[in-house]
Amino acid sequence: MKIFDVYPIYDIEIARANGSDLWDEKGNHYLDMYGGHAVISIGHTNPHYVKTITEQLANIGFYSNSIKIPAQQQLANLLGEISGKNDFQLFLCNSGAEANENALKLASFHTGRKKIVSFKGGFHGRTSLAVATTDIPNIVAPVNQTDNVVFLPFNDADALKEYFAKEGQNVAAVIIEAIQGVGGIQVATNEFLTLIRELCDKNNAVMIADEVQCGCGRTGKYFALDHSGVQADIYSMAKGIANGFPVGAIMISPKIEPKHGMLGTTFGGNHLAVAAAIAVAEVIKNENLMLNANEMGEYIISELKDVQGIAEIRGTGLMLGIDLETNAAPFRKQLIEKHKIFVGSASTPQTFRLLPTLNITKEQIDVTIAAIKDLLKEI
């Protein structure tokens, strides 16, 4: 049987990993400055993470949500503490797409409405409703297309005001990434985020912060939206929340009331998944990784902002998009082949993304900066 060929793949097999270091099956060393799409938040094979999961698996790996799983409350308490949102509610699922799917569904349940406002350049997942709110037409199947979703220009206050003036009473939710990931690290302005909050309040709509890539401490605060001082009604999380174990979650405002059967999942919140997420939250808290993310992000920007060949740097903390004055694809290929450094792509062809582990060191960043400068000199 063949593997269904949907991924463009580098001819590299990673056999072992530790922290931000990777080794292929031949023993070649690579530096991970991408974290597998911002997933590896506390480092590959983190000792506390491995110990916590191993001990949990030795006791019980899975049972359904039909029984008590006290560790879910432990995780909720930890996330409430490190995010500053102790009064919110937690629902656990399996992925970012599923988190956004449930967030959008919950907004529709809460408001009794159908219309969703999304934004150009946004990416919210590949499941039915999540992909319908994603601005990448070639991944939206005909069955996913719906008139219930409108795409407005990102950071365009006038367009948002105009739409709400006409359709505000029909809007169930506005979904936004405070920093667009796949869209090329486009940063929403504080003014735009504040306007969304005001219009949602005025029209009794739900504000959903998609924090799947930009959340979990990556920007120096637990949620990227927190930099604006705005609070959403629902936050969606995945990727970095469990360091590679498939966990998704939504954090839900106390004003939205749950009902039995409203949401559900077979695997979400199982014993092993929750253990993984607890371990990550503990490491982020105990090792002050949000502070490190902020400091290392500022350092990267300071070292690269005046480098010839770089047109622009966007982002916050360890979620950075770097625009070259040329197409970034050959540059990324050379970074891997010549310097053995992984970085990420974006939907904007001139952009590459840096999304390393939150405990990346200055020494590892210096290696990356030297490699980037070396390649740009060649270009």
Protein backbone atom coordinates (compact mmCIF):
# COMPACT_ATOMS: atom_id res chain seq x y z
CA MET A 1 0.00 0.00 0.00
CA LYS A 2 1.27 3.49 -0.86
CA ILE A 3 1.26 6.47 1.48
CA PHE A 4 -1.25 9.02 0.17
CA ASP A 5 1.05 11.61 -1.38
CA VAL A 6 -0.09 14.99 -0.04
CA TYR A 7 3.09 16.31 1.61
CA PRO A 8 6.14 17.79 -0.14
CA ILE A 9 8.95 16.07 1.75
CA TYR A 10 12.65 16.74 2.24
CA ASP A 11 14.78 13.63 1.77
CA ILE A 12 15.70 13.59 5.46
CA GLU A 13 14.82 11.04 8.14
CA ILE A 14 15.10 12.34 11.69
CA ALA A 15 15.94 9.44 13.98
CA ARG A 16 16.70 11.16 17.30
CA ALA A 17 16.06 14.51 18.98
CA ASN A 18 16.95 16.38 22.14
CA GLY A 19 16.00 19.96 22.96
CA SER A 20 16.45 21.85 19.68
CA ASP A 21 18.94 19.33 18.30
CA LEU A 22 18.03 16.72 15.70
CA TRP A 23 20.00 13.84 14.19
CA ASP A 24 19.16 11.92 11.04
CA GLU A 25 19.61 8.17 10.55
CA LYS A 26 23.15 8.79 9.29
CA GLY A 27 24.13 10.76 12.40
CA ASN A 28 24.06 14.21 10.76
CA HIS A 29 23.17 16.98 13.21
CA TYR A 30 20.43 19.57 12.50
CA LEU A 31 19.21 22.61 14.45
CA ASP A 32 15.43 22.91 14.80
CA MET A 33 14.34 26.54 14.45
CA TYR A 34 10.81 25.57 13.39
CA GLY A 35 9.63 23.23 16.13
CA GLY A 36 7.58 21.12 13.74
CA HIS A 37 5.08 23.93 12.96
CA ALA A 38 5.43 25.57 16.42
CA VAL A 39 4.53 22.30 18.13
CA ILE A 40 7.72 21.60 20.10
CA SER A 41 7.40 24.23 22.79
CA ILE A 42 9.61 22.81 25.58
CA GLY A 43 12.17 20.92 23.50
CA HIS A 44 12.27 17.44 22.00
CA THR A 45 12.35 14.59 24.54
CA ASN A 46 12.21 17.02 27.46
CA PRO A 47 13.09 14.91 30.55
CA HIS A 48 10.14 16.05 32.68
CA TYR A 49 7.79 15.50 29.74
CA VAL A 50 9.11 11.99 29.04
CA LYS A 51 8.99 11.04 32.74
CA THR A 52 5.42 12.32 33.19
CA ILE A 53 4.07 10.51 30.13
CA THR A 54 5.93 7.29 30.93
CA GLU A 55 4.63 7.19 34.49
CA GLN A 56 1.08 7.89 33.33
CA LEU A 57 1.21 5.19 30.67
CA ALA A 58 2.36 2.68 33.27
CA ASN A 59 -0.84 3.36 35.22
CA ILE A 60 -3.53 4.00 32.58
CA GLY A 61 -3.30 5.50 29.12
CA PHE A 62 -6.93 5.90 28.18
CA TYR A 63 -10.47 5.76 29.34
CA SER A 64 -13.41 7.80 28.13
CA ASN A 65 -14.95 11.00 29.47
CA SER A 66 -17.72 8.92 31.02
CA ILE A 67 -15.63 8.62 34.21
CA LYS A 68 -13.76 11.04 36.46
CA ILE A 69 -10.33 12.13 35.20
CA PRO A 70 -9.03 14.40 38.00
CA ALA A 71 -5.95 15.36 35.98
CA GLN A 72 -8.24 17.37 33.68
CA GLN A 73 -8.98 19.72 36.58
CA GLN A 74 -5.27 19.84 37.44
CA LEU A 75 -4.55 20.93 33.87
CA ALA A 76 -7.37 23.48 33.93
CA ASN A 77 -5.95 24.99 37.12
CA LEU A 78 -2.45 25.20 35.63
CA LEU A 79 -3.64 26.78 32.40
CA GLY A 80 -5.82 29.22 34.30
CA GLU A 81 -2.83 30.23 36.40
CA ILE A 82 -0.27 30.73 33.62
CA SER A 83 -2.77 32.42 31.29
CA GLY A 84 -4.38 34.59 33.98
CA LYS A 85 -7.85 33.31 33.05
CA ASN A 86 -8.85 31.33 36.12
CA ASP A 87 -12.55 32.15 35.66
CA PHE A 88 -12.70 30.53 32.18
CA GLN A 89 -13.80 26.96 31.40
CA LEU A 90 -11.74 24.29 29.62
CA PHE A 91 -12.86 21.81 26.95
CA LEU A 92 -10.27 19.33 25.70
CA CYS A 93 -10.11 17.80 22.22
CA ASN A 94 -7.38 16.54 19.87
CA SER A 95 -6.19 19.19 17.40
CA GLY A 96 -6.25 22.84 16.42
CA ALA A 97 -8.82 22.25 13.71
CA GLU A 98 -11.08 20.47 16.18
CA ALA A 99 -10.57 23.26 18.71
CA ASN A 100 -11.68 25.88 16.19
CA GLU A 101 -14.53 23.65 14.99
CA ASN A 102 -15.85 23.44 18.54
CA ALA A 103 -15.28 27.15 19.19
CA LEU A 104 -17.31 28.12 16.12
CA LYS A 105 -20.05 25.63 16.94
CA LEU A 106 -20.20 26.86 20.52
CA ALA A 107 -20.53 30.47 19.34
CA SER A 108 -23.44 29.46 17.12
CA PHE A 109 -25.12 27.56 19.96
CA HIS A 110 -24.66 30.54 22.29
CA THR A 111 -25.98 33.20 19.90
CA GLY A 112 -28.44 31.17 17.84
CA ARG A 113 -26.84 32.69 14.71
CA LYS A 114 -24.97 31.43 11.64
CA LYS A 115 -22.72 34.17 10.25
CA ILE A 116 -18.97 33.96 10.89
CA VAL A 117 -16.49 36.76 10.19
CA SER A 118 -13.01 35.60 9.24
CA PHE A 119 -10.09 37.45 7.65
CA LYS A 120 -7.97 37.33 4.52
CA GLY A 121 -4.80 35.34 5.12
CA GLY A 122 -6.29 33.42 8.03
CA PHE A 123 -5.76 29.71 8.61
CA HIS A 124 -7.99 27.89 11.10
CA GLY A 125 -7.75 24.21 10.18
CA ARG A 126 -8.93 21.57 7.73
CA THR A 127 -12.12 20.18 9.27
CA SER A 128 -15.46 21.22 7.80
CA LEU A 129 -16.26 24.55 9.48
CA ALA A 130 -12.64 25.39 10.35
CA VAL A 131 -11.58 25.10 6.71
CA ALA A 132 -14.60 27.13 5.63
CA THR A 133 -13.12 30.00 7.65
CA THR A 134 -9.64 29.47 6.16
CA ASP A 135 -8.49 31.73 3.34
CA ILE A 136 -6.78 29.09 1.20
CA PRO A 137 -9.28 28.20 -1.57
CA ASN A 138 -7.43 25.13 -2.86
CA ILE A 139 -7.89 23.25 0.44
CA VAL A 140 -11.61 24.03 0.67
CA ALA A 141 -13.62 21.18 -0.91
CA PRO A 142 -16.99 21.99 -2.49
CA VAL A 143 -18.78 20.37 0.45
CA ASN A 144 -17.04 22.81 2.83
CA GLN A 145 -18.14 25.94 0.99
CA THR A 146 -20.80 27.96 2.79
CA ASP A 147 -22.42 31.38 2.57
CA ASN A 148 -22.25 31.61 6.36
CA VAL A 149 -18.61 32.77 6.31
CA VAL A 150 -17.40 36.17 5.11
CA PHE A 151 -13.73 37.10 4.63
CA LEU A 152 -12.80 40.68 5.40
CA PRO A 153 -9.42 42.37 4.88
CA PHE A 154 -7.05 41.88 7.81
CA ASN A 155 -6.53 45.06 9.87
CA ASP A 156 -9.14 46.98 7.83
CA ALA A 157 -11.25 48.79 10.42
CA ASP A 158 -13.54 50.46 7.89
CA ALA A 159 -14.47 47.17 6.22
CA LEU A 160 -15.24 45.60 9.59
CA LYS A 161 -17.41 48.54 10.69
CA GLU A 162 -19.27 48.50 7.38
CA TYR A 163 -20.00 44.78 7.60
CA PHE A 164 -21.24 44.98 11.20
CA ALA A 165 -23.43 47.97 10.32
CA LYS A 166 -25.24 45.76 7.80
CA GLU A 167 -25.05 42.27 9.33
CA GLY A 168 -24.09 42.73 12.98
CA GLN A 169 -27.27 41.17 14.39
CA ASN A 170 -26.64 38.02 12.31
CA VAL A 171 -23.01 37.50 13.35
CA ALA A 172 -22.37 34.53 15.63
CA ALA A 173 -18.60 35.02 15.87
CA VAL A 174 -15.50 36.79 14.69
CA ILE A 175 -12.47 34.48 14.53
CA ILE A 176 -8.98 35.94 14.31
CA GLU A 177 -5.33 35.08 14.82
CA ALA A 178 -3.71 37.97 16.68
CA ILE A 179 -0.63 36.95 14.69
CA GLN A 180 -1.37 35.02 11.50
CA GLY A 181 0.94 32.02 11.21
CA VAL A 182 0.52 30.39 7.79
CA GLY A 183 -0.45 33.81 6.46
CA GLY A 184 3.12 35.03 6.89
CA ILE A 185 3.30 36.32 10.50
CA GLN A 186 0.93 39.22 9.91
CA VAL A 187 0.29 41.05 13.19
CA ALA A 188 -3.14 42.44 14.04
CA THR A 189 -2.99 45.99 15.39
CA ASN A 190 -4.17 46.67 18.93
CA GLU A 191 -6.71 49.12 17.49
CA PHE A 192 -8.16 46.46 15.18
CA LEU A 193 -8.43 43.88 17.98
CA THR A 194 -10.06 46.45 20.25
CA LEU A 195 -12.57 47.28 17.52
CA ILE A 196 -13.48 43.59 17.12
CA ARG A 197 -14.11 43.37 20.86
CA GLU A 198 -16.28 46.50 20.82
CA LEU A 199 -18.35 45.37 17.82
CA CYS A 200 -18.84 41.89 19.28
CA ASP A 201 -20.01 43.41 22.57
CA LYS A 202 -22.36 45.82 20.82
CA ASN A 203 -23.90 43.06 18.69
CA ASN A 204 -23.79 40.20 21.23
CA ALA A 205 -21.40 38.22 19.02
CA VAL A 206 -18.60 35.95 20.22
CA MET A 207 -14.93 36.87 19.76
CA ILE A 208 -12.77 33.80 19.10
CA ALA A 209 -8.99 34.10 19.40
CA ASP A 210 -7.33 31.39 17.33
CA GLU A 211 -4.19 30.82 19.42
CA VAL A 212 -3.33 27.44 17.91
CA GLN A 213 0.02 28.66 16.58
CA CYS A 214 0.52 32.00 18.34
CA GLY A 215 -0.54 30.84 21.80
CA CYS A 216 0.89 28.68 24.60
CA GLY A 217 3.58 31.20 25.52
CA ARG A 218 5.17 31.53 22.09
CA THR A 219 4.96 35.33 21.91
CA GLY A 220 6.16 36.02 25.45
CA LYS A 221 2.63 36.02 26.86
CA TYR A 222 0.46 32.94 27.11
CA PHE A 223 -1.88 34.25 24.42
CA ALA A 224 -0.79 36.57 21.61
CA LEU A 225 -4.04 38.49 22.07
CA ASP A 226 -2.90 39.44 25.59
CA HIS A 227 -0.40 41.93 24.13
CA SER A 228 -3.35 44.09 23.05
CA GLY A 229 -5.12 44.13 26.43
CA VAL A 230 -8.22 42.67 24.74
CA GLN A 231 -9.95 39.57 26.11
CA ALA A 232 -11.70 37.08 23.83
CA ASP A 233 -14.74 34.98 24.68
CA ILE A 234 -13.11 31.75 23.44
CA TYR A 235 -9.43 30.89 22.95
CA SER A 236 -8.49 27.89 20.81
CA MET A 237 -5.23 26.04 21.50
CA ALA A 238 -3.24 23.08 20.21
CA LYS A 239 0.28 22.70 18.74
CA GLY A 240 2.54 23.81 21.63
CA ILE A 241 0.09 22.83 24.37
CA ALA A 242 1.42 19.25 24.58
CA ASN A 243 4.80 19.31 22.77
CA GLY A 244 3.80 16.88 20.04
CA PHE A 245 1.14 14.78 21.74
CA PRO A 246 -2.17 15.40 19.89
CA VAL A 247 -4.04 17.74 22.22
CA GLY A 248 -6.39 20.60 21.41
CA ALA A 249 -8.42 22.77 23.73
CA ILE A 250 -10.73 25.73 23.97
CA MET A 251 -10.82 28.10 26.91
CA ILE A 252 -14.37 29.43 27.27
CA SER A 253 -15.75 32.56 28.94
CA PRO A 254 -17.93 32.02 32.01
CA LYS A 255 -20.78 33.79 30.22
CA ILE A 256 -21.15 30.79 27.88
CA GLU A 257 -23.04 28.05 29.71
CA PRO A 258 -22.41 24.34 29.04
CA LYS A 259 -25.10 21.70 28.51
CA HIS A 260 -24.63 17.96 28.55
CA GLY A 261 -24.07 16.69 25.01
CA MET A 262 -23.32 20.15 23.60
CA LEU A 263 -19.75 19.14 22.71
CA GLY A 264 -18.04 15.78 22.77
CA THR A 265 -14.95 13.78 21.85
CA THR A 266 -13.72 10.22 22.19
CA PHE A 267 -10.03 10.83 22.76
CA GLY A 268 -9.97 14.44 23.97
CA GLY A 269 -8.84 14.83 27.57
CA ASN A 270 -7.72 11.21 27.98
CA HIS A 271 -5.27 10.33 30.75
CA LEU A 272 -2.14 10.27 28.58
CA ALA A 273 -3.00 13.44 26.66
CA VAL A 274 -3.68 15.38 29.85
CA ALA A 275 -0.42 14.16 31.40
CA ALA A 276 1.46 15.49 28.35
CA ALA A 277 -0.25 18.88 28.57
CA ILE A 278 0.34 19.13 32.32
CA ALA A 279 4.05 18.44 31.84
CA VAL A 280 4.31 21.20 29.23
CA ALA A 281 2.47 23.73 31.40
CA GLU A 282 4.69 22.88 34.35
CA VAL A 283 7.88 23.36 32.34
CA ILE A 284 6.66 26.65 30.86
CA LYS A 285 5.82 27.90 34.35
CA ASN A 286 8.80 26.56 36.31
CA GLU A 287 11.45 27.47 33.73
CA ASN A 288 10.04 30.94 32.91
CA LEU A 289 9.90 30.06 29.22
CA MET A 290 7.62 32.95 28.29
CA LEU A 291 10.29 35.34 29.54
CA ASN A 292 12.91 33.47 27.51
CA ALA A 293 10.68 33.62 24.42
CA ASN A 294 10.37 37.37 24.77
CA GLU A 295 14.09 37.95 25.34
CA MET A 296 15.28 35.62 22.58
CA GLY A 297 12.76 37.09 20.11
CA GLU A 298 14.00 40.60 20.81
CA TYR A 299 17.58 39.39 20.38
CA ILE A 300 16.86 37.82 16.98
CA ILE A 301 15.20 41.00 15.74
CA SER A 302 18.06 43.19 16.97
CA GLU A 303 20.64 41.02 15.20
CA LEU A 304 18.81 40.73 11.86
CA LYS A 305 16.90 44.01 11.43
CA ASP A 306 19.70 45.79 9.52
CA VAL A 307 21.02 42.82 7.54
CA GLN A 308 21.21 43.44 3.80
CA GLY A 309 18.81 41.19 1.91
CA ILE A 310 16.13 41.23 4.63
CA ALA A 311 13.19 43.43 3.72
CA GLU A 312 11.13 43.13 6.91
CA ILE A 313 10.84 41.24 10.20
CA ARG A 314 7.42 40.79 11.80
CA GLY A 315 6.15 39.11 14.92
CA THR A 316 6.66 38.90 18.65
CA GLY A 317 8.66 36.59 20.90
CA LEU A 318 9.57 33.38 19.13
CA MET A 319 6.97 33.75 16.39
CA LEU A 320 8.84 35.66 13.72
CA GLY A 321 8.36 36.09 9.99
CA ILE A 322 11.33 37.30 7.96
CA ASP A 323 10.75 38.70 4.49
CA LEU A 324 13.62 38.46 2.04
CA GLU A 325 14.08 40.69 -0.98
CA THR A 326 13.70 37.53 -3.06
CA ASN A 327 11.82 34.21 -2.97
CA ALA A 328 12.50 32.43 0.31
CA ALA A 329 12.13 28.82 -0.92
CA PRO A 330 15.70 28.44 -2.30
CA PHE A 331 17.03 30.16 0.81
CA ARG A 332 15.24 27.70 3.12
CA LYS A 333 16.52 24.76 1.06
CA GLN A 334 20.08 26.05 1.38
CA LEU A 335 19.69 26.56 5.12
CA ILE A 336 18.83 22.88 5.45
CA GLU A 337 21.36 21.50 2.97
CA LYS A 338 24.35 23.71 3.78
CA HIS A 339 23.82 24.70 7.40
CA LYS A 340 21.52 21.89 8.62
CA ILE A 341 18.94 24.33 10.04
CA PHE A 342 15.17 23.87 9.78
CA VAL A 343 12.97 26.96 9.36
CA GLY A 344 9.39 27.27 8.10
CA SER A 345 7.64 28.54 5.00
CA ALA A 346 4.55 30.76 4.71
CA SER A 347 1.83 31.46 2.17
CA THR A 348 3.73 34.63 1.23
CA PRO A 349 6.61 33.37 -0.98
CA GLN A 350 9.22 35.84 0.27
CA THR A 351 8.68 34.87 3.92
CA PHE A 352 10.31 32.25 6.11
CA ARG A 353 9.24 31.61 9.70
CA LEU A 354 11.23 31.11 12.88
CA LEU A 355 9.24 29.12 15.47
CA PRO A 356 11.85 27.46 17.69
CA THR A 357 11.37 25.88 21.10
CA LEU A 358 10.61 28.33 23.88
CA ASN A 359 13.82 27.26 25.66
CA ILE A 360 16.06 27.93 22.66
CA THR A 361 19.45 29.25 23.77
CA LYS A 362 21.32 32.37 22.68
CA GLU A 363 24.13 30.15 21.42
CA GLN A 364 21.76 28.24 19.14
CA ILE A 365 20.28 31.51 17.90
CA ASP A 366 23.78 32.81 17.16
CA VAL A 367 24.41 29.75 14.98
CA THR A 368 21.20 30.49 13.08
CA ILE A 369 21.96 34.20 12.67
CA ALA A 370 25.45 33.43 11.35
CA ALA A 371 24.00 30.98 8.83
CA ILE A 372 21.35 33.46 7.65
CA LYS A 373 23.95 36.18 7.19
CA ASP A 374 26.28 33.80 5.34
CA LEU A 375 23.58 32.76 2.86
CA LEU A 376 22.38 36.32 2.30
CA LYS A 377 25.93 37.36 1.39
CA GLU A 378 25.95 34.64 -1.27
CA ILE A 379 22.61 35.80 -2.63
